[in-house]
Amino acid sequence: MSARVRLRTGLGLLAGTQVVLGLWILLLPEWFWKWPWVSHLPPYSEHLLQDSGGASLASPWCCARRWRRWSGGWY
């Protein structure tokens, strides 16, 4: 397996995880906040979660651009 294939696979896994996390945060912020590893953070703030969810959805877009660039498109 070439390095390019491994990198593209890693980018795909990262992008998929970020999409799921970002949609979860944006669509169900209170349910996301109830997870034990999240509720130890500062008090619940819907605005903070919307910003985090938006950032989580921006990351896959960047991964997709890099993926396309490696395959010869979207310069």
N, C-alpha and C. Protein backbone atom coordinates (compact mmCIF):
# COMPACT_ATOMS: atom_id res chain seq x y z
N MET A 1 0.85 -1.17 0.00
CA MET A 1 0.00 0.00 0.00
C MET A 1 0.90 1.24 0.00
N SER A 2 0.62 2.15 -0.89
CA SER A 2 1.46 3.34 -1.01
C SER A 2 1.14 4.34 0.11
N ALA A 3 2.05 5.27 0.28
CA ALA A 3 1.87 6.30 1.30
C ALA A 3 0.65 7.16 0.99
N ARG A 4 0.41 7.42 -0.28
CA ARG A 4 -0.73 8.25 -0.67
C ARG A 4 -2.05 7.57 -0.29
N VAL A 5 -2.13 6.27 -0.51
CA VAL A 5 -3.35 5.53 -0.16
C VAL A 5 -3.56 5.55 1.35
N ARG A 6 -2.49 5.36 2.11
CA ARG A 6 -2.61 5.39 3.57
C ARG A 6 -3.05 6.77 4.06
N LEU A 7 -2.49 7.82 3.48
CA LEU A 7 -2.88 9.17 3.87
C LEU A 7 -4.33 9.47 3.52
N ARG A 8 -4.75 9.04 2.34
CA ARG A 8 -6.13 9.28 1.94
C ARG A 8 -7.10 8.48 2.82
N THR A 9 -6.72 7.29 3.20
CA THR A 9 -7.55 6.48 4.09
C THR A 9 -7.67 7.16 5.46
N GLY A 10 -6.55 7.64 5.97
CA GLY A 10 -6.56 8.36 7.25
C GLY A 10 -7.41 9.62 7.19
N LEU A 11 -7.29 10.37 6.10
CA LEU A 11 -8.10 11.57 5.95
C LEU A 11 -9.59 11.23 5.88
N GLY A 12 -9.91 10.14 5.20
CA GLY A 12 -11.31 9.71 5.11
C GLY A 12 -11.87 9.33 6.47
N LEU A 13 -11.09 8.60 7.28
CA LEU A 13 -11.53 8.23 8.62
C LEU A 13 -11.69 9.46 9.52
N LEU A 14 -10.73 10.37 9.43
CA LEU A 14 -10.81 11.60 10.21
C LEU A 14 -12.04 12.42 9.80
N ALA A 15 -12.27 12.56 8.52
CA ALA A 15 -13.41 13.34 8.04
C ALA A 15 -14.73 12.70 8.47
N GLY A 16 -14.84 11.40 8.37
CA GLY A 16 -16.08 10.72 8.77
C GLY A 16 -16.37 10.90 10.25
N THR A 17 -15.35 10.77 11.06
CA THR A 17 -15.51 10.94 12.51
C THR A 17 -15.93 12.37 12.84
N GLN A 18 -15.31 13.34 12.19
CA GLN A 18 -15.62 14.73 12.45
C GLN A 18 -17.04 15.10 12.00
N VAL A 19 -17.50 14.51 10.90
CA VAL A 19 -18.87 14.78 10.44
C VAL A 19 -19.87 14.25 11.46
N VAL A 20 -19.67 13.03 11.93
CA VAL A 20 -20.58 12.46 12.92
C VAL A 20 -20.57 13.30 14.20
N LEU A 21 -19.41 13.64 14.68
CA LEU A 21 -19.30 14.44 15.90
C LEU A 21 -19.92 15.82 15.71
N GLY A 22 -19.63 16.48 14.61
CA GLY A 22 -20.16 17.81 14.36
C GLY A 22 -21.68 17.82 14.26
N LEU A 23 -22.24 16.85 13.56
CA LEU A 23 -23.70 16.79 13.45
C LEU A 23 -24.35 16.48 14.80
N TRP A 24 -23.72 15.62 15.57
CA TRP A 24 -24.23 15.29 16.89
C TRP A 24 -24.26 16.54 17.77
N ILE A 25 -23.18 17.31 17.75
CA ILE A 25 -23.11 18.52 18.57
C ILE A 25 -24.14 19.55 18.11
N LEU A 26 -24.28 19.74 16.81
CA LEU A 26 -25.20 20.75 16.30
C LEU A 26 -26.67 20.36 16.46
N LEU A 27 -26.99 19.10 16.24
CA LEU A 27 -28.39 18.69 16.26
C LEU A 27 -28.90 18.30 17.65
N LEU A 28 -28.04 17.76 18.48
CA LEU A 28 -28.43 17.31 19.82
C LEU A 28 -27.45 17.81 20.89
N PRO A 29 -27.34 19.13 21.06
CA PRO A 29 -26.29 19.65 21.97
C PRO A 29 -26.49 19.23 23.43
N GLU A 30 -27.73 19.19 23.90
CA GLU A 30 -27.94 18.83 25.31
C GLU A 30 -27.62 17.35 25.55
N TRP A 31 -27.93 16.50 24.59
CA TRP A 31 -27.61 15.08 24.72
C TRP A 31 -26.11 14.87 24.68
N PHE A 32 -25.42 15.62 23.82
CA PHE A 32 -23.96 15.54 23.76
C PHE A 32 -23.36 15.98 25.10
N TRP A 33 -23.92 17.03 25.70
CA TRP A 33 -23.38 17.57 26.95
C TRP A 33 -23.52 16.59 28.10
N LYS A 34 -24.46 15.66 28.04
CA LYS A 34 -24.69 14.73 29.15
C LYS A 34 -23.65 13.62 29.21
N TRP A 35 -22.81 13.47 28.21
CA TRP A 35 -21.75 12.46 28.27
C TRP A 35 -20.80 12.81 29.40
N PRO A 36 -20.36 11.84 30.20
CA PRO A 36 -19.51 12.11 31.37
C PRO A 36 -18.22 12.85 31.03
N TRP A 37 -17.61 12.55 29.91
CA TRP A 37 -16.34 13.19 29.58
C TRP A 37 -16.52 14.60 29.06
N VAL A 38 -17.73 15.01 28.76
CA VAL A 38 -17.99 16.38 28.30
C VAL A 38 -18.52 17.23 29.44
N SER A 39 -19.34 16.68 30.31
CA SER A 39 -19.99 17.47 31.35
C SER A 39 -19.02 17.96 32.42
N HIS A 40 -17.77 17.55 32.41
CA HIS A 40 -16.78 18.05 33.37
C HIS A 40 -16.20 19.38 32.92
N LEU A 41 -16.56 19.81 31.75
CA LEU A 41 -16.08 21.08 31.23
C LEU A 41 -16.85 22.22 31.87
N PRO A 42 -16.60 23.47 31.47
CA PRO A 42 -17.36 24.60 32.04
C PRO A 42 -18.87 24.40 31.90
N PRO A 43 -19.67 25.23 32.54
CA PRO A 43 -21.14 25.08 32.49
C PRO A 43 -21.66 25.04 31.05
N TYR A 44 -22.83 24.42 30.89
CA TYR A 44 -23.45 24.25 29.58
C TYR A 44 -23.64 25.59 28.88
N SER A 45 -23.19 25.68 27.66
CA SER A 45 -23.36 26.88 26.85
C SER A 45 -23.70 26.44 25.43
N GLU A 46 -24.93 26.71 25.00
CA GLU A 46 -25.34 26.30 23.66
C GLU A 46 -24.50 26.99 22.60
N HIS A 47 -24.14 28.24 22.84
CA HIS A 47 -23.31 28.97 21.87
C HIS A 47 -21.95 28.29 21.69
N LEU A 48 -21.34 27.89 22.79
CA LEU A 48 -20.05 27.21 22.72
C LEU A 48 -20.17 25.90 21.93
N LEU A 49 -21.25 25.16 22.16
CA LEU A 49 -21.44 23.90 21.44
C LEU A 49 -21.70 24.14 19.96
N GLN A 50 -22.42 25.19 19.61
CA GLN A 50 -22.65 25.49 18.20
C GLN A 50 -21.33 25.84 17.51
N ASP A 51 -20.48 26.59 18.19
CA ASP A 51 -19.16 26.90 17.62
C ASP A 51 -18.32 25.64 17.45
N SER A 52 -18.34 24.77 18.46
CA SER A 52 -17.56 23.53 18.38
C SER A 52 -18.10 22.61 17.28
N GLY A 53 -19.41 22.53 17.16
CA GLY A 53 -20.01 21.71 16.11
C GLY A 53 -19.68 22.24 14.72
N GLY A 54 -19.72 23.55 14.57
CA GLY A 54 -19.36 24.15 13.28
C GLY A 54 -17.90 23.91 12.92
N ALA A 55 -17.03 24.02 13.91
CA ALA A 55 -15.61 23.74 13.66
C ALA A 55 -15.40 22.27 13.31
N SER A 56 -16.16 21.39 13.95
CA SER A 56 -16.05 19.96 13.64
C SER A 56 -16.52 19.66 12.22
N LEU A 57 -17.43 20.45 11.70
CA LEU A 57 -17.89 20.25 10.32
C LEU A 57 -16.98 20.93 9.31
N ALA A 58 -16.18 21.91 9.73
CA ALA A 58 -15.24 22.56 8.82
C ALA A 58 -14.03 21.67 8.54
N SER A 59 -13.65 20.88 9.52
CA SER A 59 -12.49 20.00 9.36
C SER A 59 -12.64 19.00 8.21
N PRO A 60 -13.78 18.32 8.08
CA PRO A 60 -13.93 17.38 6.95
C PRO A 60 -13.89 18.08 5.59
N TRP A 61 -14.35 19.31 5.54
CA TRP A 61 -14.28 20.05 4.29
C TRP A 61 -12.82 20.26 3.89
N CYS A 62 -11.98 20.61 4.86
CA CYS A 62 -10.55 20.78 4.59
C CYS A 62 -9.92 19.45 4.16
N CYS A 63 -10.31 18.37 4.82
CA CYS A 63 -9.80 17.05 4.44
C CYS A 63 -10.23 16.69 3.01
N ALA A 64 -11.45 17.02 2.66
CA ALA A 64 -11.94 16.71 1.31
C ALA A 64 -11.17 17.51 0.26
N ARG A 65 -10.87 18.75 0.56
CA ARG A 65 -10.08 19.55 -0.39
C ARG A 65 -8.69 18.93 -0.58
N ARG A 66 -8.07 18.51 0.49
CA ARG A 66 -6.74 17.91 0.39
C ARG A 66 -6.83 16.59 -0.37
N TRP A 67 -7.84 15.81 -0.10
CA TRP A 67 -8.05 14.54 -0.79
C TRP A 67 -8.16 14.77 -2.29
N ARG A 68 -8.98 15.74 -2.67
CA ARG A 68 -9.17 16.03 -4.09
C ARG A 68 -7.89 16.55 -4.73
N ARG A 69 -7.14 17.35 -3.98
CA ARG A 69 -5.89 17.88 -4.53
C ARG A 69 -4.90 16.77 -4.82
N TRP A 70 -4.85 15.77 -3.95
CA TRP A 70 -3.94 14.65 -4.17
C TRP A 70 -4.38 13.81 -5.36
N SER A 71 -5.66 13.87 -5.70
CA SER A 71 -6.13 13.07 -6.84
C SER A 71 -6.14 13.89 -8.14
N GLY A 72 -5.67 15.12 -8.10
CA GLY A 72 -5.52 15.90 -9.32
C GLY A 72 -6.62 16.89 -9.62
N GLY A 73 -7.51 17.18 -8.69
CA GLY A 73 -8.56 18.15 -8.93
C GLY A 73 -8.56 19.25 -7.88
N TRP A 74 -9.43 20.24 -8.02
CA TRP A 74 -9.65 21.34 -7.09
C TRP A 74 -8.37 22.05 -6.64
N TYR A 75 -7.76 22.75 -7.50
CA TYR A 75 -6.59 23.53 -7.06
C TYR A 75 -7.07 24.88 -6.67
